[in-house]
């Protein structure tokens, strides 16, 4: 429920911003066309003002399509975390429960591998995921009574080692680690980064190209008018 309310609020803010940007577009267009005939100028200025709301609708529709067709994009649309990890695993967390992130296989929503708790922060190196626990699943999960606070998970063979301190975790890695909060972590998976660039190009490329083309058209219209008026 809260996710839907947040999404509606974000959508309203996005549309409001597009309206403000439409006013800016219209003002620029009016300035460019200030010497044109009033009827023509009014039409082109109005059209300029409608461009940002049209772009907002385009981005919203594309985002919804991505959310229903591409794994993980629906999570991101609702402010959740979805970041691919090596060898078919993914880091997931609900936006309203950032301390309850988890490492899951992409094909299964169950708790596999069997980490001892939820994840607060992680660092990925090759096939290994180094991390810090935030909350235990249950008291029974602690088999030796130690207060394990850290782990290293090898996504290649699914092996898990738990550690009591950050120093022990760093010693297992052989160097100092810099864990990143789970909700701030960004996957460096090559194919995923390529997909994000393509997604952003599809979302923002056409609006940017249309904006440039329209204002070039307005500038050309102004120059042609000035050329006509300069004729003897």
Protein backbone atom coordinates (compact mmCIF):
# COMPACT_ATOMS: atom_id res chain seq x y z
CA UNK A 1 0.00 0.00 0.00
CA UNK A 2 2.76 2.44 1.01
CA UNK A 3 4.69 1.58 -2.17
CA UNK A 4 1.67 2.48 -4.31
CA UNK A 5 1.15 5.75 -2.42
CA UNK A 6 4.83 6.59 -2.87
CA UNK A 7 4.66 5.76 -6.56
CA UNK A 8 1.57 7.95 -7.01
CA UNK A 9 3.25 10.82 -5.17
CA UNK A 10 6.40 10.48 -7.30
CA UNK A 11 4.27 10.38 -10.45
CA UNK A 12 2.40 13.53 -9.44
CA UNK A 13 5.69 15.30 -8.69
CA UNK A 14 7.10 14.15 -12.03
CA UNK A 15 4.07 15.46 -13.91
CA UNK A 16 4.21 18.74 -11.97
CA UNK A 17 7.86 19.14 -12.90
CA UNK A 18 6.98 18.49 -16.55
CA UNK A 19 4.40 21.29 -16.33
CA UNK A 20 7.00 23.70 -14.96
CA UNK A 21 9.43 22.68 -17.67
CA UNK A 22 6.65 23.20 -20.23
CA UNK A 23 6.36 26.82 -19.08
CA UNK A 24 10.11 27.23 -19.54
CA UNK A 25 9.90 25.73 -23.04
CA UNK A 26 7.02 28.05 -23.92
CA UNK A 27 8.88 31.12 -22.65
CA UNK A 28 11.97 30.27 -24.71
CA UNK A 29 9.83 29.62 -27.79
CA UNK A 30 7.98 32.94 -27.34
CA UNK A 31 11.30 34.77 -27.09
CA UNK A 32 12.65 33.09 -30.24
CA UNK A 33 9.46 33.86 -32.18
CA UNK A 34 8.84 37.35 -30.81
CA UNK A 35 8.89 38.88 -34.32
CA UNK A 36 6.56 36.33 -35.89
CA UNK A 37 2.87 36.90 -36.53
CA UNK A 38 0.80 36.47 -33.38
CA UNK A 39 -1.32 33.52 -34.56
CA UNK A 40 1.69 31.53 -35.76
CA UNK A 41 3.71 32.45 -32.68
CA UNK A 42 0.92 31.42 -30.31
CA UNK A 43 0.54 28.02 -31.96
CA UNK A 44 4.28 27.22 -31.93
CA UNK A 45 4.66 28.48 -28.36
CA UNK A 46 1.76 26.32 -27.16
CA UNK A 47 3.26 23.33 -28.93
CA UNK A 48 6.58 23.94 -27.19
CA UNK A 49 4.83 24.05 -23.81
CA UNK A 50 3.15 20.71 -24.48
CA UNK A 51 6.40 18.92 -25.25
CA UNK A 52 7.53 18.22 -21.63
CA UNK A 53 4.16 16.71 -20.57
CA UNK A 54 4.26 14.54 -23.71
CA UNK A 55 7.80 13.47 -22.83
CA UNK A 56 6.69 12.68 -19.26
CA UNK A 57 3.89 10.47 -20.57
CA UNK A 58 6.34 8.71 -22.91
CA UNK A 59 8.81 8.03 -20.08
CA UNK A 60 6.01 6.79 -17.80
CA UNK A 61 4.67 4.38 -20.43
CA UNK A 62 8.17 3.05 -21.19
CA UNK A 63 8.87 2.59 -17.48
CA UNK A 64 5.66 0.59 -17.04
CA UNK A 65 6.52 -1.59 -20.05
CA UNK A 66 10.00 -2.24 -18.65
CA UNK A 67 8.52 -3.04 -15.23
CA UNK A 68 6.27 -5.77 -16.67
CA UNK A 69 8.72 -7.24 -19.17
CA UNK A 70 12.20 -7.05 -17.62
CA UNK A 71 13.12 -8.81 -14.32
CA UNK A 72 13.92 -6.41 -11.51
CA UNK A 73 12.60 -3.26 -13.16
CA UNK A 74 9.29 -3.53 -11.33
CA UNK A 75 11.20 -3.60 -8.04
CA UNK A 76 13.13 -0.48 -8.97
CA UNK A 77 9.94 1.28 -10.05
CA UNK A 78 8.63 0.92 -6.48
CA UNK A 79 11.90 2.10 -4.92
CA UNK A 80 13.16 -1.39 -4.08
CA UNK A 81 16.68 -2.70 -4.56
CA UNK A 82 17.45 -5.17 -7.35
CA UNK A 83 21.12 -5.54 -8.25
CA UNK A 84 22.55 -8.56 -10.09
CA UNK A 85 25.44 -10.44 -8.45
CA UNK A 86 27.81 -12.95 -10.07
CA UNK A 87 26.70 -16.40 -11.23
CA UNK A 88 22.95 -15.86 -11.32
CA UNK A 89 22.39 -14.29 -7.90
CA UNK A 90 20.76 -10.97 -7.10
CA UNK A 91 20.66 -8.57 -4.16
CA UNK A 92 17.10 -7.62 -3.23
CA UNK A 93 15.60 -5.30 -0.62
CA UNK A 94 12.28 -3.59 -0.11
CA UNK A 95 12.52 0.20 -0.12
CA UNK A 96 10.66 0.40 3.21
CA UNK A 97 12.86 -2.32 4.81
CA UNK A 98 16.45 -1.45 3.82
CA UNK A 99 17.99 -3.49 6.67
CA UNK A 100 16.36 -6.67 5.41
CA UNK A 101 18.20 -7.08 2.13
CA UNK A 102 18.95 -10.60 0.95
CA UNK A 103 20.96 -12.55 -1.60
CA UNK A 104 18.75 -14.72 -3.78
CA UNK A 105 19.03 -16.82 -6.93
CA UNK A 106 17.30 -15.05 -9.82
CA UNK A 107 15.14 -18.10 -10.50
CA UNK A 108 13.98 -18.61 -6.91
CA UNK A 109 12.53 -16.32 -4.26
CA UNK A 110 13.49 -18.60 -1.35
CA UNK A 111 16.37 -18.06 1.06
CA UNK A 112 19.14 -19.73 -0.86
CA UNK A 113 22.01 -19.72 -0.06
CA UNK A 114 21.30 -20.16 3.64
CA UNK A 115 22.92 -17.05 5.04
CA UNK A 116 22.50 -16.62 8.78
CA UNK A 117 20.70 -13.32 8.46
CA UNK A 118 19.73 -10.35 6.36
CA UNK A 119 22.36 -8.16 4.74
CA UNK A 120 23.31 -4.62 5.75
CA UNK A 121 26.26 -3.97 3.43
CA UNK A 122 28.29 -5.83 0.81
CA UNK A 123 31.27 -5.73 -1.52
CA UNK A 124 31.68 -7.91 -4.61
CA UNK A 125 35.05 -9.18 -5.82
CA UNK A 126 35.01 -11.68 -8.64
CA UNK A 127 32.68 -14.51 -7.64
CA UNK A 128 32.77 -13.60 -3.94
CA UNK A 129 30.30 -11.47 -2.04
CA UNK A 130 31.65 -10.04 1.23
CA UNK A 131 29.05 -8.66 3.57
CA UNK A 132 27.80 -7.64 6.99
CA UNK A 133 24.65 -9.05 8.57
CA UNK A 134 21.96 -6.69 9.82
CA UNK A 135 19.39 -9.02 11.42
CA UNK A 136 19.33 -12.72 12.20
CA UNK A 137 16.72 -15.01 10.70
CA UNK A 138 16.32 -16.75 14.07
CA UNK A 139 18.30 -17.57 17.20
CA UNK A 140 18.47 -21.23 16.14
CA UNK A 141 20.56 -20.27 13.13
CA UNK A 142 23.55 -19.54 15.41
CA UNK A 143 25.01 -22.99 15.84
CA UNK A 144 28.21 -22.23 17.75
CA UNK A 145 27.03 -19.37 19.93
CA UNK A 146 29.36 -16.87 18.28
CA UNK A 147 28.03 -13.48 17.34
CA UNK A 148 28.80 -13.79 13.65
CA UNK A 149 28.40 -10.38 12.10
CA UNK A 150 30.08 -10.89 8.72
CA UNK A 151 30.19 -13.38 5.89
CA UNK A 152 31.77 -14.24 2.58
CA UNK A 153 29.66 -16.06 0.02
CA UNK A 154 31.27 -17.63 -3.04
CA UNK A 155 28.61 -17.59 -5.77
CA UNK A 156 30.58 -20.10 -7.80
CA UNK A 157 30.34 -23.07 -5.40
CA UNK A 158 27.73 -21.61 -2.95
CA UNK A 159 30.10 -21.90 0.00
CA UNK A 160 29.55 -19.58 2.96
CA UNK A 161 31.99 -18.64 5.71
CA UNK A 162 30.95 -16.54 8.69
CA UNK A 163 33.15 -14.25 10.78
CA UNK A 164 32.80 -12.44 14.07
CA UNK A 165 34.62 -9.24 13.20
CA UNK A 166 35.40 -7.02 10.23
CA UNK A 167 39.11 -7.67 10.82
CA UNK A 168 38.58 -11.41 10.32
CA UNK A 169 36.59 -10.77 7.15
CA UNK A 170 39.35 -8.51 5.77
CA UNK A 171 41.96 -11.13 6.67
CA UNK A 172 40.05 -13.74 4.65
CA UNK A 173 40.05 -11.38 1.65
CA UNK A 174 43.71 -10.57 2.08
CA UNK A 175 43.19 -6.82 2.00
CA UNK A 176 41.06 -4.01 3.43
CA UNK A 177 37.40 -4.12 2.42
CA UNK A 178 35.04 -1.20 1.84
CA UNK A 179 31.52 -2.51 2.30
CA UNK A 180 28.71 -0.51 0.73
CA UNK A 181 25.22 -0.24 2.21
CA UNK A 182 22.98 -2.73 0.42
CA UNK A 183 20.53 -0.08 -0.79
CA UNK A 184 23.45 2.00 -2.18
CA UNK A 185 25.16 -0.93 -3.90
CA UNK A 186 25.29 -0.80 -7.71
CA UNK A 187 26.05 -3.91 -9.70
CA UNK A 188 29.08 -3.82 -11.99
CA UNK A 189 27.82 -6.73 -14.07
CA UNK A 190 28.79 -5.86 -17.65
CA UNK A 191 25.57 -7.00 -19.32
CA UNK A 192 23.44 -5.29 -16.68
CA UNK A 193 25.34 -2.00 -17.02
CA UNK A 194 24.91 -2.25 -20.79
CA UNK A 195 21.18 -2.79 -20.31
CA UNK A 196 20.91 0.26 -18.04
CA UNK A 197 22.63 2.42 -20.66
CA UNK A 198 20.25 1.13 -23.32
CA UNK A 199 17.25 1.69 -21.05
CA UNK A 200 18.31 5.26 -20.31
CA UNK A 201 18.89 5.88 -24.01
CA UNK A 202 15.38 4.67 -24.82
CA UNK A 203 13.86 6.69 -21.98
CA UNK A 204 15.63 10.00 -22.45
CA UNK A 205 17.11 9.87 -25.96
CA UNK A 206 13.90 10.55 -27.94
CA UNK A 207 12.79 13.47 -25.68
CA UNK A 208 16.25 15.05 -25.88
CA UNK A 209 16.40 14.60 -29.67
CA UNK A 210 12.86 15.97 -30.11
CA UNK A 211 13.67 19.02 -27.96
CA UNK A 212 16.79 19.80 -29.95
CA UNK A 213 15.00 19.30 -33.28
CA UNK A 214 12.06 21.50 -32.29
CA UNK A 215 14.15 24.44 -31.09
CA UNK A 216 16.36 24.19 -34.17
CA UNK A 217 13.14 24.37 -36.19
CA UNK A 218 12.08 27.48 -34.27
CA UNK A 219 15.47 29.09 -34.83
CA UNK A 220 15.26 28.30 -38.54
CA UNK A 221 11.74 29.74 -38.66
CA UNK A 222 12.97 32.95 -37.04
CA UNK A 223 15.91 33.28 -39.45
CA UNK A 224 13.69 32.72 -42.46
CA UNK A 225 11.32 35.44 -41.22
CA UNK A 226 14.18 37.86 -40.65
CA UNK A 227 15.54 37.10 -44.13
CA UNK A 228 12.17 37.94 -45.70
CA UNK A 229 11.87 41.19 -43.75
CA UNK A 230 15.37 42.25 -44.81
CA UNK A 231 14.48 42.10 -48.50
CA UNK A 232 14.25 45.54 -50.16
